[in-house]
Amino acid sequence: MVCRRCLVSGRVQGVFFRASTRQLAVALGLTGYARNLPDGRVEVLACGDAAALQTLQAWLREGPAHANVSDVQCEIADVAVPPDFSTV
């Protein structure tokens, strides 16, 4: 199991980004969270199968219909694996 932490920039708050991320993550069998940051970015922590993480990471570059993603920075995260996927 691998965990990745991604910071998503652009118009990503107030456009159902976190809820849409959670929906896809759950469908992919991932755990973690998506949360808004004070600087306007969304932080996503996702843990699970490497192929599922790649699928989620590719989707983060597009986001839901009303999002306008300008950048996604991801790194491997050495964290305790969360039991489910939540929006914080």
Protein backbone atom coordinates (compact mmCIF):
# COMPACT_ATOMS: atom_id res chain seq x y z
CA MET A 1 0.00 0.00 0.00
CA VAL A 2 1.24 3.44 -0.97
CA CYS A 3 0.14 6.88 0.25
CA ARG A 4 0.49 10.07 -1.78
CA ARG A 5 -0.14 13.66 -0.69
CA CYS A 6 -1.18 16.03 -3.46
CA LEU A 7 -1.67 19.79 -3.40
CA VAL A 8 -4.09 20.99 -6.07
CA SER A 9 -4.03 24.65 -7.13
CA GLY A 10 -6.39 26.76 -9.20
CA ARG A 11 -10.14 27.23 -8.90
CA VAL A 12 -10.63 24.18 -6.71
CA GLN A 13 -12.68 25.44 -3.76
CA GLY A 14 -16.44 25.93 -3.97
CA VAL A 15 -16.76 23.70 -7.06
CA PHE A 16 -17.43 20.30 -5.39
CA PHE A 17 -13.78 19.32 -5.77
CA ARG A 18 -13.53 17.57 -2.40
CA ALA A 19 -16.83 15.69 -2.80
CA SER A 20 -15.97 14.62 -6.33
CA THR A 21 -12.50 13.50 -5.21
CA ARG A 22 -14.03 11.45 -2.41
CA GLN A 23 -16.53 9.83 -4.79
CA LEU A 24 -13.77 8.71 -7.17
CA ALA A 25 -11.41 7.66 -4.37
CA VAL A 26 -14.08 5.45 -2.79
CA ALA A 27 -14.88 3.90 -6.20
CA LEU A 28 -11.15 3.17 -6.63
CA GLY A 29 -10.88 1.61 -3.15
CA LEU A 30 -8.63 4.35 -1.77
CA THR A 31 -8.58 5.79 1.73
CA GLY A 32 -7.48 9.23 2.88
CA TYR A 33 -9.01 12.69 2.77
CA ALA A 34 -9.54 15.85 0.76
CA ARG A 35 -9.51 19.18 2.56
CA ASN A 36 -9.49 22.87 1.72
CA LEU A 37 -6.41 24.83 2.71
CA PRO A 38 -6.50 28.49 3.79
CA ASP A 39 -4.46 29.52 0.73
CA GLY A 40 -7.15 28.30 -1.71
CA ARG A 41 -5.60 24.95 -2.58
CA VAL A 42 -7.01 21.50 -1.86
CA GLU A 43 -4.87 18.92 -0.11
CA VAL A 44 -5.55 15.29 -1.00
CA LEU A 45 -4.07 12.35 0.88
CA ALA A 46 -4.79 9.05 -0.82
CA CYS A 47 -3.64 5.56 0.15
CA GLY A 48 -4.04 2.30 -1.71
CA ASP A 49 -3.04 0.43 -4.82
CA ALA A 50 -0.47 2.18 -7.04
CA ALA A 51 -2.63 1.88 -10.18
CA ALA A 52 -5.65 3.37 -8.40
CA LEU A 53 -3.48 6.22 -7.11
CA GLN A 54 -2.31 6.95 -10.66
CA THR A 55 -5.93 7.08 -11.84
CA LEU A 56 -6.85 9.51 -9.05
CA GLN A 57 -3.77 11.65 -9.67
CA ALA A 58 -4.62 11.94 -13.37
CA TRP A 59 -8.18 12.96 -12.47
CA LEU A 60 -6.90 15.60 -10.02
CA ARG A 61 -5.35 17.41 -13.00
CA GLU A 62 -8.86 17.87 -14.46
CA GLY A 63 -11.19 17.88 -11.46
CA PRO A 64 -14.96 18.26 -11.64
CA ALA A 65 -16.73 20.28 -14.33
CA HIS A 66 -16.53 23.73 -12.68
CA ALA A 67 -12.95 23.42 -11.46
CA ASN A 68 -10.00 25.03 -13.21
CA VAL A 69 -6.88 23.18 -12.07
CA SER A 70 -3.64 25.07 -12.65
CA ASP A 71 -1.17 22.75 -10.87
CA VAL A 72 -0.94 19.45 -9.01
CA GLN A 73 2.10 18.59 -6.88
CA CYS A 74 2.23 15.06 -5.44
CA GLU A 75 4.70 13.28 -3.21
CA ILE A 76 4.90 9.99 -1.39
CA ALA A 77 3.57 10.36 2.16
CA ASP A 78 4.80 8.29 5.10
CA VAL A 79 1.64 8.39 7.22
CA ALA A 80 -0.68 6.04 9.06
CA VAL A 81 -3.19 4.69 6.58
CA PRO A 82 -6.67 6.16 7.25
CA PRO A 83 -9.57 3.68 7.54
CA ASP A 84 -11.76 5.42 4.94
CA PHE A 85 -11.86 8.47 2.64
CA SER A 86 -13.28 11.66 4.12
CA THR A 87 -13.72 15.30 3.27
CA VAL A 88 -12.42 17.53 6.04
